[in-house]
Protein backbone atom coordinates (compact mmCIF):
# COMPACT_ATOMS: atom_id res chain seq x y z
CA MET A 1 19.00 43.04 30.27
CA LYS A 2 20.32 39.67 31.40
CA THR A 3 16.84 38.55 32.52
CA LYS A 4 15.43 39.55 29.15
CA LYS A 5 18.04 37.42 27.34
CA ILE A 6 17.25 34.42 29.56
CA THR A 7 13.54 34.87 28.85
CA ILE A 8 14.16 34.95 25.10
CA ILE A 9 16.34 31.83 25.30
CA LEU A 10 13.69 29.99 27.30
CA PHE A 11 11.02 31.04 24.81
CA VAL A 12 13.11 29.75 21.91
CA LEU A 13 13.73 26.46 23.74
CA ILE A 14 10.02 26.05 24.42
CA LEU A 15 9.22 26.60 20.76
CA HIS A 16 11.92 24.10 19.80
CA MET A 17 10.57 21.54 22.28
CA GLN A 18 7.05 22.03 20.95
CA GLU A 19 8.25 21.49 17.41
CA LEU A 20 10.14 18.35 18.40
CA PHE A 21 7.09 17.02 20.22
CA SER A 22 4.92 17.75 17.20
CA GLN A 23 7.40 16.05 14.84
CA ASN A 24 7.70 13.00 17.09
CA SER A 25 3.95 12.56 17.44
CA ILE A 26 3.03 12.66 13.76
CA PRO A 27 2.22 9.36 12.00
CA TYR A 28 5.26 7.17 11.53
CA LEU A 29 6.32 3.63 10.62
CA GLN A 30 7.58 1.23 13.26
CA GLU A 31 9.12 -2.22 12.95
CA ILE A 32 7.34 -4.83 15.04
CA GLY A 33 8.84 -8.28 14.70
CA ASP A 34 9.53 -8.99 11.04
CA ASN A 35 7.00 -6.47 9.76
CA THR A 36 6.58 -2.71 9.63
CA HIS A 37 3.40 -1.03 10.79
CA LEU A 38 1.87 2.41 10.69
CA VAL A 39 1.46 4.26 13.97
CA VAL A 40 -1.17 7.02 14.18
CA ASP A 41 -2.03 8.95 17.33
CA GLY A 42 0.50 6.83 19.18
CA LYS A 43 -1.18 3.49 18.31
CA PRO A 44 -0.80 0.92 15.52
CA PHE A 45 -3.20 1.84 12.74
CA ILE A 46 -4.64 -0.38 9.99
CA VAL A 47 -5.72 1.57 6.92
CA LEU A 48 -9.26 0.51 6.02
CA GLY A 49 -9.23 2.73 3.01
CA GLY A 50 -10.91 3.73 -0.18
CA GLU A 51 -9.41 5.72 -3.03
CA LEU A 52 -11.49 8.40 -4.68
CA GLY A 53 -11.90 8.60 -8.44
CA ASN A 54 -9.37 10.82 -10.17
CA SER A 55 -11.62 13.89 -10.40
CA SER A 56 -13.83 13.49 -7.34
CA PHE A 57 -11.69 15.54 -4.96
CA THR A 58 -12.14 18.72 -7.02
CA SER A 59 -15.42 19.90 -5.53
CA ILE A 60 -16.97 20.08 -2.08
CA GLU A 61 -20.42 19.83 -3.65
CA TYR A 62 -19.51 16.63 -5.50
CA MET A 63 -18.18 15.06 -2.32
CA THR A 64 -21.12 15.99 -0.08
CA PRO A 65 -23.37 12.97 -0.76
CA HIS A 66 -20.53 10.46 -0.50
CA TRP A 67 -19.42 10.84 3.12
CA GLU A 68 -22.35 8.72 4.31
CA LYS A 69 -21.30 5.93 1.91
CA PHE A 70 -17.84 5.90 3.45
CA LYS A 71 -19.35 5.43 6.92
CA THR A 72 -21.63 2.66 5.64
CA MET A 73 -18.59 0.81 4.31
CA ASN A 74 -16.71 1.30 7.61
CA LEU A 75 -13.80 3.22 6.09
CA ASN A 76 -11.36 4.89 8.43
CA THR A 77 -9.26 6.50 5.66
CA ILE A 78 -9.74 7.97 2.21
CA LEU A 79 -7.01 8.30 -0.40
CA ALA A 80 -7.40 11.45 -2.45
CA PRO A 81 -5.41 13.25 -5.16
CA VAL A 82 -3.97 16.72 -4.87
CA TYR A 83 -3.56 18.13 -8.36
CA TRP A 84 -0.58 20.27 -9.27
CA GLU A 85 -2.60 22.13 -11.91
CA LEU A 86 -5.14 23.26 -9.28
CA ILE A 87 -2.81 24.27 -6.45
CA GLU A 88 -0.39 26.23 -8.69
CA PRO A 89 -2.50 27.61 -11.55
CA MET A 90 0.06 30.37 -12.06
CA GLU A 91 3.76 29.85 -11.52
CA GLY A 92 4.72 30.54 -7.91
CA GLN A 93 1.13 31.34 -6.85
CA PHE A 94 -0.40 28.61 -4.69
CA ASP A 95 -4.05 28.08 -3.87
CA PHE A 96 -4.89 25.54 -1.15
CA GLU A 97 -8.47 26.63 -0.48
CA LEU A 98 -10.05 23.48 -1.94
CA LEU A 99 -7.59 21.22 -0.15
CA ASP A 100 -8.29 22.96 3.16
CA LYS A 101 -12.04 22.50 2.75
CA LEU A 102 -11.65 18.83 1.98
CA ILE A 103 -9.27 18.27 4.90
CA SER A 104 -11.85 19.94 7.11
CA GLU A 105 -14.67 17.74 5.79
CA THR A 106 -12.55 14.62 6.22
CA ARG A 107 -11.83 15.62 9.80
CA LYS A 108 -15.51 16.35 10.51
CA ASN A 109 -16.38 12.86 9.32
CA ASP A 110 -13.78 11.35 11.66
CA LEU A 111 -11.67 9.93 8.83
CA LYS A 112 -7.98 9.99 8.06
CA LEU A 113 -6.57 11.12 4.73
CA ILE A 114 -3.75 9.89 2.50
CA ILE A 115 -2.60 12.44 -0.05
CA LEU A 116 -1.76 11.31 -3.60
CA TRP A 117 0.43 13.91 -5.32
CA PHE A 118 -0.60 14.14 -8.95
CA GLY A 119 2.49 16.08 -9.94
CA SER A 120 4.73 15.37 -12.91
CA TRP A 121 3.20 11.94 -13.54
CA LYS A 122 -0.18 10.33 -13.11
CA ASN A 123 -0.59 6.89 -14.75
CA SER A 124 2.66 7.63 -16.63
CA MET A 125 1.23 10.76 -18.26
CA SER A 126 1.78 14.41 -17.28
CA SER A 127 -1.90 15.22 -17.51
CA HIS A 128 -2.11 17.09 -14.21
CA VAL A 129 0.76 19.54 -14.62
CA PRO A 130 -0.22 23.24 -14.83
CA SER A 131 -0.92 24.88 -18.18
CA TRP A 132 2.16 27.08 -17.83
CA ILE A 133 4.22 23.88 -17.83
CA LYS A 134 2.36 22.27 -20.73
CA GLN A 135 2.64 25.36 -22.91
CA ASN A 136 6.36 25.93 -22.41
CA GLN A 137 7.99 22.86 -23.91
CA ALA A 138 11.24 24.75 -24.49
CA LYS A 139 11.76 25.12 -20.74
CA TYR A 140 9.84 22.04 -19.58
CA PRO A 141 10.71 19.33 -22.12
CA ARG A 142 8.80 16.14 -22.74
CA ALA A 143 9.94 12.57 -23.11
CA VAL A 144 10.56 11.37 -26.67
CA ASP A 145 9.95 7.89 -28.10
CA GLU A 146 12.23 5.91 -30.46
CA ARG A 147 10.78 7.70 -33.48
CA GLY A 148 11.56 11.11 -32.01
CA VAL A 149 7.90 11.89 -31.21
CA SER A 150 7.24 13.94 -28.07
CA GLN A 151 4.94 12.34 -25.51
CA GLU A 152 2.46 13.69 -22.95
CA ILE A 153 5.15 12.84 -20.38
CA LEU A 154 7.61 15.24 -18.78
CA THR A 155 11.14 13.95 -19.08
CA PRO A 156 12.72 13.24 -15.68
CA PHE A 157 16.11 14.33 -17.08
CA SER A 158 15.30 18.06 -17.07
CA LYS A 159 16.47 20.11 -14.09
CA ASP A 160 13.73 22.65 -14.81
CA ASN A 161 11.06 19.94 -14.69
CA LEU A 162 12.42 18.69 -11.39
CA GLN A 163 12.70 22.14 -9.85
CA ALA A 164 9.14 23.10 -10.80
CA ASP A 165 7.70 19.91 -9.29
CA LEU A 166 9.95 20.24 -6.27
CA ASN A 167 8.78 23.80 -5.61
CA ALA A 168 5.14 22.73 -5.72
CA PHE A 169 5.63 19.63 -3.57
CA LYS A 170 7.55 21.59 -0.94
CA ALA A 171 4.76 24.18 -0.88
CA LEU A 172 2.25 21.35 -0.38
CA MET A 173 4.22 19.79 2.48
CA ASN A 174 4.71 23.17 4.15
CA HIS A 175 0.98 23.76 3.93
CA ILE A 176 0.12 20.31 5.31
CA LYS A 177 2.44 20.93 8.25
CA LYS A 178 0.86 24.32 8.87
CA VAL A 179 -2.78 23.25 8.78
CA ASP A 180 -2.63 19.64 9.96
CA SER A 181 0.30 18.98 12.30
CA GLU A 182 -1.95 19.55 15.30
CA HIS A 183 -4.86 17.39 14.07
CA GLN A 184 -2.92 14.81 12.02
CA THR A 185 -5.76 14.06 9.66
CA ILE A 186 -3.22 13.36 6.91
CA ILE A 187 -1.31 10.17 7.72
CA MET A 188 0.72 9.37 4.57
CA VAL A 189 1.70 10.90 1.24
CA GLN A 190 2.28 9.35 -2.17
CA PRO A 191 4.69 11.38 -4.36
CA GLU A 192 3.58 11.04 -8.00
CA ASN A 193 1.24 8.29 -9.23
CA GLU A 194 2.00 5.11 -11.20
CA ILE A 195 5.25 6.40 -12.67
CA GLY A 196 6.24 4.65 -15.89
CA MET A 197 7.43 5.20 -19.47
CA LEU A 198 5.14 4.64 -22.48
CA PRO A 199 5.09 3.70 -25.35
CA SER A 200 8.87 3.14 -25.33
CA ALA A 201 10.86 1.32 -22.68
CA ARG A 202 12.93 4.45 -22.14
CA ASP A 203 13.04 8.15 -22.92
CA TYR A 204 15.01 9.16 -26.05
CA HIS A 205 15.26 12.86 -25.26
CA PRO A 206 18.83 14.11 -25.95
CA LEU A 207 19.33 14.59 -22.20
CA ALA A 208 18.47 10.92 -21.70
CA ASN A 209 20.55 9.68 -24.62
CA ASN A 210 23.65 11.42 -23.27
CA LEU A 211 23.28 9.80 -19.85
CA PHE A 212 22.54 6.38 -21.36
CA LYS A 213 25.97 6.42 -22.99
CA GLU A 214 27.74 7.36 -19.76
CA GLN A 215 29.02 5.12 -16.98
CA VAL A 216 26.42 3.62 -14.66
CA PRO A 217 26.41 5.91 -11.59
CA SER A 218 28.79 4.74 -8.87
CA GLU A 219 25.97 5.18 -6.34
CA LEU A 220 24.07 2.32 -7.97
CA VAL A 221 27.16 0.14 -8.48
CA ASP A 222 28.12 0.56 -4.82
CA TYR A 223 24.60 -0.52 -3.81
CA LEU A 224 24.84 -3.62 -5.99
CA GLN A 225 28.17 -4.66 -4.50
CA LYS A 226 27.07 -3.99 -0.93
CA ASN A 227 23.74 -5.84 -1.31
CA LYS A 228 24.77 -8.57 -3.75
CA GLU A 229 23.57 -11.39 -1.49
CA ASN A 230 20.14 -9.84 -1.04
CA LEU A 231 19.22 -8.52 -4.50
CA VAL A 232 15.92 -9.78 -5.90
CA PRO A 233 16.65 -12.80 -8.14
CA GLU A 234 15.29 -11.25 -11.35
CA PHE A 235 17.69 -8.34 -11.08
CA LEU A 236 20.62 -10.40 -9.80
CA ASN A 237 20.32 -12.72 -12.81
CA VAL A 238 20.59 -9.80 -15.23
CA TRP A 239 23.76 -8.60 -13.52
CA ARG A 240 25.13 -12.16 -13.28
CA LYS A 241 24.62 -12.89 -17.00
CA ASN A 242 26.90 -9.98 -17.80
CA GLY A 243 29.62 -11.07 -15.40
CA TYR A 244 28.84 -8.92 -12.35
CA LYS A 245 30.65 -5.99 -13.94
CA THR A 246 31.15 -2.90 -11.80
CA GLN A 247 32.33 -0.49 -14.46
CA GLY A 248 30.86 0.46 -17.79
CA THR A 249 27.83 1.93 -19.48
CA TRP A 250 24.31 0.65 -18.89
CA GLU A 251 24.56 -1.79 -21.79
CA GLU A 252 28.06 -2.90 -20.81
CA ILE A 253 27.02 -3.78 -17.27
CA PHE A 254 23.49 -5.05 -17.90
CA GLY A 255 23.48 -5.99 -21.62
CA ALA A 256 21.56 -4.51 -24.54
CA GLY A 257 17.78 -4.65 -24.84
CA TYR A 258 14.48 -3.40 -23.49
CA GLY A 259 15.30 -4.71 -20.01
CA THR A 260 18.34 -2.45 -19.73
CA ASP A 261 16.35 0.47 -21.12
CA GLU A 262 13.93 -0.10 -18.25
CA LEU A 263 16.68 -0.29 -15.61
CA PHE A 264 18.09 3.00 -16.88
CA MET A 265 14.71 4.75 -16.70
CA ALA A 266 13.91 3.27 -13.30
CA TRP A 267 17.10 4.77 -11.88
CA TYR A 268 16.30 8.28 -13.08
CA PHE A 269 12.62 8.09 -12.17
CA ALA A 270 13.73 7.00 -8.70
CA LYS A 271 16.30 9.79 -8.41
CA PHE A 272 13.67 12.36 -9.42
CA THR A 273 11.22 10.99 -6.85
CA GLU A 274 13.92 10.91 -4.18
CA GLU A 275 14.46 14.65 -4.57
CA LEU A 276 10.79 15.30 -3.83
CA THR A 277 10.50 12.77 -1.03
CA LYS A 278 13.64 13.85 0.78
CA ALA A 279 12.70 17.54 0.58
CA GLY A 280 9.13 16.82 1.68
CA LYS A 281 10.26 14.81 4.70
CA GLU A 282 12.68 17.53 5.75
CA ILE A 283 9.64 19.79 6.01
CA TYR A 284 7.16 17.33 7.53
CA PRO A 285 8.27 13.68 7.76
CA LEU A 286 5.10 11.76 7.08
CA PRO A 287 5.50 8.19 5.74
CA MET A 288 5.72 8.23 1.95
CA PHE A 289 5.20 5.49 -0.64
CA VAL A 290 5.14 5.05 -4.40
CA ASN A 291 2.71 2.90 -6.37
CA ALA A 292 3.03 0.87 -9.56
CA ALA A 293 0.79 -0.26 -12.39
CA LEU A 294 1.42 -4.00 -12.54
CA ILE A 295 2.55 -5.90 -15.62
CA ARG A 296 -0.14 -7.63 -17.63
CA PRO A 297 0.75 -11.12 -18.88
CA GLY A 298 2.93 -11.25 -21.98
CA LYS A 299 3.83 -7.55 -22.01
CA ILE A 300 7.37 -6.14 -22.36
CA PRO A 301 8.75 -2.79 -21.13
CA GLY A 302 6.98 0.02 -22.95
CA GLU A 303 3.89 -2.15 -23.48
CA TYR A 304 3.34 -1.72 -19.76
CA PRO A 305 4.45 1.43 -17.87
CA SER A 306 8.18 0.75 -17.95
CA ALA A 307 10.47 1.52 -15.01
CA GLY A 308 7.87 2.11 -12.30
CA PRO A 309 8.36 0.76 -8.75
CA LEU A 310 7.78 -2.83 -9.81
CA PRO A 311 9.11 -5.81 -7.82
CA HIS A 312 11.80 -6.80 -10.33
CA LEU A 313 13.08 -3.20 -10.09
CA MET A 314 12.92 -3.05 -6.31
CA ASP A 315 16.69 -2.74 -5.92
CA ILE A 316 16.93 0.12 -8.41
CA TRP A 317 14.22 2.04 -6.57
CA LYS A 318 15.67 1.33 -3.13
CA ALA A 319 19.11 2.45 -4.24
CA GLY A 320 17.85 5.54 -6.05
CA ALA A 321 15.11 6.61 -3.64
CA PRO A 322 16.10 5.58 -0.11
CA SER A 323 13.71 8.11 1.46
CA ILE A 324 10.70 6.20 0.09
CA ASP A 325 9.24 4.00 2.82
CA MET A 326 7.53 1.41 0.65
CA LEU A 327 6.77 0.30 -2.88
CA SER A 328 3.10 -0.54 -3.40
CA PRO A 329 1.08 -2.49 -6.01
CA ASP A 330 -2.09 -1.27 -7.75
CA PHE A 331 -4.29 -4.23 -8.69
CA TYR A 332 -6.18 -4.52 -11.93
CA THR A 333 -4.65 -7.91 -12.71
CA PRO A 334 -5.14 -11.39 -11.20
CA ASP A 335 -2.64 -13.24 -9.01
CA PHE A 336 -3.15 -11.15 -5.88
CA GLU A 337 -1.07 -13.44 -3.68
CA LEU A 338 1.76 -13.84 -6.22
CA TRP A 339 2.28 -10.10 -6.69
CA ASN A 340 2.10 -9.41 -2.96
CA ASP A 341 4.68 -12.12 -2.29
CA LEU A 342 7.00 -10.30 -4.69
CA TYR A 343 6.43 -6.96 -3.01
CA VAL A 344 7.13 -8.05 0.57
CA ARG A 345 10.68 -9.15 -0.21
CA GLN A 346 13.54 -7.27 1.46
CA LYS A 347 11.16 -6.34 4.31
CA ASN A 348 9.17 -4.00 2.07
CA PRO A 349 5.92 -3.29 3.97
CA LEU A 350 2.77 -4.22 2.08
CA PHE A 351 0.24 -1.50 1.42
CA VAL A 352 -2.39 -1.92 -1.32
CA PRO A 353 -3.41 1.67 -2.16
CA GLU A 354 -5.54 0.76 -5.17
CA HIS A 355 -7.56 -2.30 -6.16
CA ARG A 356 -10.37 -2.77 -8.64
CA PHE A 357 -13.64 -2.24 -6.77
CA ASP A 358 -15.07 -5.73 -7.30
CA ASN A 359 -16.62 -8.50 -5.23
CA THR A 360 -13.23 -9.92 -4.16
CA VAL A 361 -12.18 -6.94 -2.05
CA GLY A 362 -13.66 -8.21 1.22
CA ALA A 363 -11.82 -11.53 1.15
CA LYS A 364 -8.60 -9.91 -0.06
CA THR A 365 -8.67 -7.36 2.74
CA LEU A 366 -8.84 -10.10 5.37
CA PHE A 367 -6.07 -12.04 3.64
CA ALA A 368 -3.76 -9.01 3.28
CA ILE A 369 -4.14 -7.93 6.90
CA GLY A 370 -3.86 -11.48 8.24
CA HIS A 371 -1.19 -13.05 6.05
CA TYR A 372 1.07 -10.05 5.45
CA GLU A 373 0.12 -7.87 8.43
CA ALA A 374 -0.38 -5.26 5.74
CA ILE A 375 -0.45 -1.56 6.50
CA GLY A 376 -3.80 -1.40 4.76
CA PHE A 377 -6.05 -1.94 1.77
CA SER A 378 -7.94 0.44 -0.49
CA PRO A 379 -10.27 -0.17 -3.45
CA PHE A 380 -10.46 2.46 -6.18
CA GLY A 381 -13.56 4.55 -7.00
CA ILE A 382 -14.91 4.14 -3.50
CA GLU A 383 -17.60 6.78 -4.05
CA ASN A 384 -19.22 4.94 -6.95
CA ASN A 385 -21.24 2.38 -4.99
CA ILE A 386 -21.68 0.66 -1.66
CA ASN A 387 -19.88 -2.68 -1.55
CA MET A 388 -21.12 -4.76 1.36
CA GLU A 389 -18.33 -7.33 0.96
CA LEU A 390 -15.90 -4.55 1.81
CA ALA A 391 -18.14 -3.08 4.50
CA ASN A 392 -18.43 -6.43 6.27
CA ALA A 393 -14.72 -7.20 6.06
CA TYR A 394 -13.78 -3.75 7.36
CA ASN A 395 -16.28 -4.19 10.20
CA LEU A 396 -14.61 -7.43 11.26
CA ILE A 397 -11.14 -5.91 11.20
CA GLU A 398 -12.32 -2.88 13.15
CA GLN A 399 -13.81 -5.14 15.83
CA LEU A 400 -10.65 -7.25 15.99
CA ASN A 401 -8.28 -4.28 15.76
CA PRO A 402 -7.11 -4.39 19.41
CA ILE A 403 -6.31 -8.10 19.20
CA ILE A 404 -4.68 -7.81 15.77
CA THR A 405 -2.44 -4.90 16.70
CA GLN A 406 -1.62 -6.42 20.10
CA ASN A 407 -0.29 -9.52 18.31
CA PHE A 408 1.60 -7.80 15.48
CA GLY A 409 4.97 -9.40 14.82
CA GLN A 410 4.45 -12.41 17.10
CA ASN A 411 3.53 -15.08 14.54
CA LYS A 412 0.02 -15.27 15.99
CA ILE A 413 -1.90 -13.87 13.00
CA GLU A 414 -2.58 -15.43 9.62
CA GLY A 415 -4.92 -14.95 6.69
CA VAL A 416 -6.31 -17.07 3.87
CA LEU A 417 -7.73 -16.40 0.41
CA LEU A 418 -9.63 -19.09 -1.47
CA ASP A 419 -11.50 -19.53 -4.76
CA LYS A 420 -12.17 -22.37 -7.20
CA ASP A 421 -8.55 -22.48 -8.37
CA LYS A 422 -7.27 -22.54 -4.80
CA ILE A 423 -9.76 -24.43 -2.69
CA LEU A 424 -7.41 -25.37 0.16
CA THR A 425 -4.66 -23.75 2.18
CA THR A 426 -3.07 -24.58 5.51
CA VAL A 427 -2.05 -22.35 8.39
CA VAL A 428 0.11 -23.22 11.39
CA LEU A 429 -0.32 -21.28 14.63
CA GLY A 430 1.14 -22.58 17.86
CA ASP A 431 0.71 -26.35 18.10
CA TYR A 432 -2.10 -26.49 15.56
CA GLU A 433 -2.36 -26.85 11.81
CA PHE A 434 -5.57 -25.45 10.35
CA SER A 435 -6.87 -26.58 6.96
CA PHE A 436 -9.04 -23.91 5.35
CA LYS A 437 -11.26 -24.78 2.38
CA ASN A 438 -13.63 -22.66 0.36
CA SER A 439 -17.00 -23.46 1.94
CA TYR A 440 -18.42 -24.19 -1.52
CA THR A 441 -16.47 -27.47 -1.30
CA LEU A 442 -19.17 -28.72 1.07
CA GLY A 443 -21.53 -28.71 -1.90
CA TRP A 444 -24.71 -27.46 -0.27
CA GLU A 445 -24.23 -23.68 -0.41
CA ALA A 446 -25.92 -21.71 -3.15
CA GLY A 447 -23.20 -20.85 -5.62
CA ALA A 448 -21.23 -24.08 -5.25
CA THR A 449 -22.18 -25.14 -8.77
CA LYS A 450 -21.04 -21.91 -10.43
CA ASP A 451 -18.11 -22.00 -12.85
CA ILE A 452 -16.42 -19.16 -10.97
CA TRP A 453 -16.60 -19.31 -7.21
CA ASP A 454 -16.85 -16.32 -4.92
CA SER A 455 -13.68 -15.64 -2.95
CA GLY A 456 -13.50 -16.99 0.56
CA GLY A 457 -11.30 -15.13 2.98
CA ALA A 458 -10.51 -15.14 6.67
CA ILE A 459 -8.16 -13.93 9.33
CA ILE A 460 -7.19 -16.17 12.25
CA ILE A 461 -5.61 -14.96 15.50
CA GLN A 462 -4.16 -17.04 18.29
CA SER A 463 -5.31 -15.58 21.61
CA GLY A 464 -4.24 -18.44 23.89
CA THR A 465 -2.50 -21.82 23.82
CA ASN A 466 -5.59 -23.50 22.43
CA GLU A 467 -7.84 -20.48 21.81
CA PHE A 468 -8.30 -18.76 18.44
CA TYR A 469 -10.50 -16.18 16.74
CA ILE A 470 -11.54 -16.92 13.15
CA ALA A 471 -13.24 -14.12 11.21
CA GLY A 472 -14.28 -14.03 7.60
CA SER A 473 -16.61 -15.49 5.01
CA GLY A 474 -16.79 -18.55 2.79
CA VAL A 475 -14.49 -20.87 4.75
CA VAL A 476 -14.65 -24.25 6.41
CA VAL A 477 -11.85 -25.17 8.83
CA THR A 478 -10.49 -28.44 10.24
CA PHE A 479 -7.51 -28.87 12.55
CA LYS A 480 -4.72 -31.13 13.75
CA ASN A 481 -2.08 -30.92 16.47
CA TRP A 482 1.19 -31.20 14.56
CA LYS A 483 3.15 -31.90 17.76
CA LYS A 484 0.82 -34.61 19.08
CA ARG A 485 0.20 -36.44 15.84
CA ASN A 486 -1.44 -39.48 17.40
CA THR A 487 -4.22 -37.47 18.98
CA ILE A 488 -7.51 -36.24 17.57
CA VAL A 489 -8.32 -32.56 17.89
CA GLY A 490 -11.84 -31.67 18.92
CA ILE A 491 -13.78 -28.49 19.52
CA LEU A 492 -14.03 -27.77 23.22
CA LYS A 493 -16.07 -24.61 22.67
CA CYS A 494 -17.23 -22.54 19.70
CA GLU A 495 -18.88 -19.15 20.06
CA GLU A 496 -20.15 -16.74 17.44
CA GLY A 497 -20.01 -13.18 18.67
CA VAL A 498 -19.03 -9.56 18.32
CA PHE A 499 -16.74 -7.14 20.08
CA GLU A 500 -18.55 -4.24 21.74
CA ASN A 501 -16.35 -1.56 23.25
CA GLY A 502 -13.45 -3.99 23.06
CA LYS A 503 -15.25 -6.76 25.00
CA TRP A 504 -16.31 -10.09 23.54
CA LYS A 505 -20.06 -10.62 23.48
CA VAL A 506 -21.42 -14.08 22.69
CA LEU A 507 -24.31 -14.14 20.23
CA ARG A 508 -24.59 -17.92 19.80
CA HIS A 509 -22.96 -21.02 21.26
CA LEU A 510 -22.36 -23.13 18.15
CA ASN A 511 -22.57 -26.90 18.09
CA GLY A 512 -24.38 -29.67 16.27
CA ASP A 513 -25.15 -28.78 12.68
CA GLN A 514 -23.14 -25.52 12.85
CA THR A 515 -19.92 -27.45 13.63
CA HIS A 516 -20.80 -30.66 11.80
CA GLN A 517 -21.07 -32.35 15.20
CA GLY A 518 -17.67 -31.07 16.29
CA ARG A 519 -15.79 -31.81 13.08
CA HIS A 520 -15.24 -28.32 11.63
CA ILE A 521 -15.69 -24.58 11.94
CA ARG A 522 -17.77 -23.02 9.18
CA ILE A 523 -18.61 -19.48 8.05
CA SER A 524 -20.74 -19.48 4.92
CA HIS A 525 -20.33 -17.13 1.97
CA GLY A 526 -21.99 -13.80 2.64
CA ASN A 527 -22.08 -14.42 6.38
CA TYR A 528 -19.18 -12.31 7.63
CA SER A 529 -18.77 -13.21 11.28
CA ILE A 530 -16.33 -13.89 14.12
CA GLN A 531 -16.04 -17.19 15.95
CA ARG A 532 -13.98 -17.83 19.05
CA ILE A 533 -12.92 -21.45 19.39
CA GLN A 534 -11.15 -23.56 21.98
CA LEU A 535 -9.56 -26.85 20.92
CA TYR A 536 -8.62 -30.00 22.85
CA GLU A 537 -7.06 -33.39 22.11
CA TYR A 538 -8.22 -36.93 22.77
CA GLU A 539 -7.01 -40.40 21.78
């Protein structure tokens, strides 16, 4: 009897150890230097992604011809929706057959998968909730605008709305753990999609109105007091203008107006999302992020999706949803660098899960990975065409991946993004200052006379004291030694090459016309390539 008990105890311990091992080996985020990186299969992983169109992941047959496109564009990850209406067509009855088939196909094609949960909200609207939710407004109430008109948006203030979404999301995470914890095809999850309130800055449902009149939750006030020195300036200024009050209603602490309406909604959207994220991670702790539709110029809350995880609301979202790992921008607006600079404050990791699928994506990928050490990049509608700008940029990053990840967090990686409005930028690595210009500035490339220039982009990596890899397209580079300012910096060696099985292979030794007789490094537009250079000084 005693032996039997010992055997049972050992069996239970083994199961527990296996579970711990499985939990510890799933994808996770790790701080390296000043940045945070994704680790997959025990190694740093850069998401070279593509997001599927909103309805593409609903049929195996529809997806069949597209897998070859993904390989052509050198993707290693696809971002795909899971739709609440399809996995829970009847309350409490879950159907994951389609998801399982698509996970299997993703795995067969040697790709990773990021799940986008189209639950209560997708692009602000509740278009993907099940019919039994849509048709029972008495139990599952909708948001209401200033005029008292119900919207196609579930109110986040309803406990029934939260519980229904929570039940479905927990079922999804349990299923992912069951079918994928061994293979780890799924590497991240996005709860909800582009949360935001339209066409009003806030919800006017009676449940919302009652809370708006109450005291600001102490949880948020405590966060403000504890993090006062580190709040983003836009938010700090709102609090400062009203005297840094720590007691009162939303309007008493933050003032009256659309801005306060947005703060109020952001808090309750964040709290709703926190419930899902926390519960999902307790089941299977994959990294989780939320995305935001960015503000178009001149718009006020309600004219854009109010209260989403936008940079000026970063503190509200961090206080209300601490289980979320990162806030991420979706790009259909200009000012790529400006918005990303706003998002990387407070050590928020940069991940671009959605970008318009245009001819700038190649250059922007190189810039995001180089300048921000971003977790990854992903254009939207990846199945619609083959974009060779993206394919070539992803190819370069894949070749350089061992060197990039080896140098994460060591101030040895940088990136540049150039166009006609920004023709010059400088980078300092080690003892050297590099001046990057759009190669159209040389004047002889086709396209240099166009009104709108193609984007030039590059990543530069320091691999030795005076050795660097420069990879990209549309750039011309000169250099100085900022420590030895009286010397001239020359090119000791310049090689164009590729990495094959992790080893550098020289294709051409560049000199003469290719380096302007030793004066610069140049990679023309459309010619995505890698050059390894060695520099020296002379007087």
